[in-house]
């Protein structure tokens, strides 16, 4: 036996085993077991303007319609890509950015219902000591700086 998940025993061969009440879970597990998600696009730092194709490439690698970005509002660089904003944050911190200058956002390939292509929401934005107590960037001055950097690097 390899593991137990909600009444479904997973054998060493990777297939689940359970009673008749777990049929749906077993069928779902078998389908999911055959799905392989390949993330061949780790986040990268963008220092100079890139083409829209770079955004499309990162968006399609994981989410399909958007890419996660982390913007350094002081250095005016950003990390694009990765599964989580924390991936880009770690990359920029290793590159010399300061935590207080980093803000996360999602850049969409098509405009959102509000007409914008940027959503200023990320777990890394929660920082009470800087007055931001939510996932969304609450300070409109910081939002404007984030937008300015994104628009300059991914026109």
Protein backbone atom coordinates (compact mmCIF):
# COMPACT_ATOMS: atom_id res chain seq x y z
CA UNK A 1 0.00 0.00 0.00
CA UNK A 2 1.28 3.46 -0.87
CA UNK A 3 -1.31 5.79 0.63
CA UNK A 4 -4.90 6.47 1.60
CA UNK A 5 -7.00 9.38 0.37
CA UNK A 6 -10.65 9.69 1.44
CA UNK A 7 -11.28 5.98 1.50
CA UNK A 8 -9.29 5.21 -1.64
CA UNK A 9 -6.22 3.08 -1.08
CA UNK A 10 -3.48 3.74 -3.62
CA UNK A 11 -1.41 0.65 -4.35
CA UNK A 12 2.25 0.64 -5.30
CA UNK A 13 1.36 0.27 -8.98
CA UNK A 14 -0.23 3.73 -8.79
CA UNK A 15 -3.83 2.61 -9.19
CA UNK A 16 -6.44 3.24 -6.53
CA UNK A 17 -8.46 0.52 -4.87
CA UNK A 18 -11.67 1.11 -2.91
CA UNK A 19 -15.23 0.02 -2.33
CA UNK A 20 -18.02 0.63 -4.83
CA UNK A 21 -18.76 3.98 -3.21
CA UNK A 22 -15.43 5.31 -4.39
CA UNK A 23 -15.99 4.55 -8.09
CA UNK A 24 -16.12 8.23 -9.10
CA UNK A 25 -12.95 9.01 -7.15
CA UNK A 26 -11.19 6.01 -8.67
CA UNK A 27 -12.21 7.00 -12.21
CA UNK A 28 -11.06 10.58 -11.62
CA UNK A 29 -7.77 9.40 -10.15
CA UNK A 30 -7.09 7.20 -13.20
CA UNK A 31 -7.70 10.15 -15.54
CA UNK A 32 -5.60 12.53 -13.45
CA UNK A 33 -2.78 9.98 -13.17
CA UNK A 34 -2.31 10.13 -16.92
CA UNK A 35 -2.19 13.93 -17.09
CA UNK A 36 1.31 15.36 -17.03
CA UNK A 37 1.77 19.07 -16.48
CA UNK A 38 5.06 20.23 -17.93
CA UNK A 39 6.34 23.58 -16.77
CA UNK A 40 9.38 24.06 -18.94
CA UNK A 41 9.28 27.83 -18.40
CA UNK A 42 10.75 28.90 -15.10
CA UNK A 43 10.37 32.57 -14.23
CA UNK A 44 12.85 34.96 -15.76
CA UNK A 45 13.93 38.50 -15.04
CA UNK A 46 12.95 41.11 -17.62
CA UNK A 47 15.22 44.17 -17.63
CA UNK A 48 14.56 45.49 -21.13
CA UNK A 49 11.32 45.67 -23.13
CA UNK A 50 10.24 42.34 -24.64
CA UNK A 51 7.67 41.49 -27.28
CA UNK A 52 4.14 40.38 -26.54
CA UNK A 53 5.22 36.89 -27.62
CA UNK A 54 7.27 36.58 -24.41
CA UNK A 55 4.12 37.25 -22.38
CA UNK A 56 2.14 34.76 -24.47
CA UNK A 57 4.88 32.16 -24.05
CA UNK A 58 4.83 32.43 -20.25
CA UNK A 59 1.04 32.64 -20.06
CA UNK A 60 0.48 29.53 -22.16
CA UNK A 61 3.15 27.55 -20.27
CA UNK A 62 0.98 27.28 -17.14
CA UNK A 63 -2.28 29.22 -16.94
CA UNK A 64 -3.20 29.75 -20.57
CA UNK A 65 -4.57 33.28 -20.38
CA UNK A 66 -2.28 35.07 -17.95
CA UNK A 67 1.23 35.18 -16.55
CA UNK A 68 2.27 35.97 -13.02
CA UNK A 69 4.70 38.86 -12.63
CA UNK A 70 6.60 40.34 -9.73
CA UNK A 71 7.66 43.94 -10.19
CA UNK A 72 10.53 45.72 -8.45
CA UNK A 73 9.18 49.27 -8.40
CA UNK A 74 12.56 50.71 -7.36
CA UNK A 75 14.84 48.94 -9.88
CA UNK A 76 12.13 48.95 -12.59
CA UNK A 77 12.63 45.27 -13.48
CA UNK A 78 10.24 42.36 -13.19
CA UNK A 79 10.14 38.60 -13.06
CA UNK A 80 7.65 36.92 -15.37
CA UNK A 81 6.38 33.36 -15.22
CA UNK A 82 6.36 30.57 -12.70
CA UNK A 83 3.49 28.89 -10.91
CA UNK A 84 3.45 31.28 -7.97
CA UNK A 85 4.43 34.87 -7.42
CA UNK A 86 6.82 33.57 -4.77
CA UNK A 87 8.89 32.01 -7.59
CA UNK A 88 9.50 35.38 -9.20
CA UNK A 89 9.94 37.03 -5.82
CA UNK A 90 12.73 34.60 -4.90
CA UNK A 91 14.43 35.18 -8.25
CA UNK A 92 14.41 38.96 -7.81
CA UNK A 93 15.56 38.78 -4.18
CA UNK A 94 18.52 36.65 -5.30
CA UNK A 95 19.22 39.30 -7.94
CA UNK A 96 19.48 42.06 -5.34
CA UNK A 97 15.94 43.40 -5.01
CA UNK A 98 14.57 44.46 -1.62
CA UNK A 99 11.42 42.81 -0.31
CA UNK A 100 9.62 46.12 0.25
CA UNK A 101 10.02 47.01 -3.44
CA UNK A 102 8.46 43.80 -4.80
CA UNK A 103 4.77 43.60 -5.74
CA UNK A 104 2.88 40.79 -7.44
CA UNK A 105 0.33 41.01 -10.23
CA UNK A 106 -1.21 38.94 -13.01
CA UNK A 107 -0.97 40.13 -16.61
CA UNK A 108 -3.73 38.83 -18.88
CA UNK A 109 -3.47 38.31 -22.61
CA UNK A 110 -6.92 39.81 -23.15
CA UNK A 111 -8.50 42.68 -21.20
CA UNK A 112 -10.51 41.79 -18.11
CA UNK A 113 -14.19 42.84 -17.84
CA UNK A 114 -13.02 46.14 -16.30
CA UNK A 115 -10.97 46.84 -19.44
CA UNK A 116 -7.62 46.37 -17.71
CA UNK A 117 -5.07 43.67 -18.49
CA UNK A 118 -3.48 43.73 -15.02
CA UNK A 119 -4.90 42.31 -11.78
CA UNK A 120 -2.96 43.57 -8.77
CA UNK A 121 -3.55 40.49 -6.62
CA UNK A 122 -0.96 38.21 -5.02
CA UNK A 123 -0.22 36.58 -1.70
CA UNK A 124 3.16 38.33 -1.64
CA UNK A 125 1.32 41.67 -1.48
CA UNK A 126 0.04 40.98 2.04
CA UNK A 127 2.34 43.06 4.24
CA UNK A 128 0.76 44.88 7.13
CA UNK A 129 4.00 46.66 8.08
CA UNK A 130 3.77 48.52 4.75
CA UNK A 131 0.06 49.20 5.18
CA UNK A 132 -1.11 46.55 2.70
CA UNK A 133 -3.34 44.11 4.59
CA UNK A 134 -4.85 42.37 1.56
CA UNK A 135 -3.73 40.36 -1.46
CA UNK A 136 -4.63 43.28 -3.69
CA UNK A 137 -2.30 46.29 -3.85
CA UNK A 138 -4.31 48.90 -1.97
CA UNK A 139 -2.08 51.93 -2.48
CA UNK A 140 -2.95 53.48 -5.83
CA UNK A 141 0.49 55.10 -6.09
CA UNK A 142 2.15 51.68 -5.87
CA UNK A 143 -0.37 50.28 -8.37
CA UNK A 144 0.50 53.08 -10.79
CA UNK A 145 4.22 52.31 -10.41
CA UNK A 146 3.62 48.57 -10.98
CA UNK A 147 1.54 49.34 -14.09
CA UNK A 148 4.19 51.74 -15.37
CA UNK A 149 6.93 49.09 -15.14
CA UNK A 150 4.75 46.36 -16.71
CA UNK A 151 3.68 48.64 -19.57
CA UNK A 152 7.28 49.68 -20.20
CA UNK A 153 8.64 46.12 -20.25
CA UNK A 154 5.73 44.27 -21.91
CA UNK A 155 4.03 46.84 -24.17
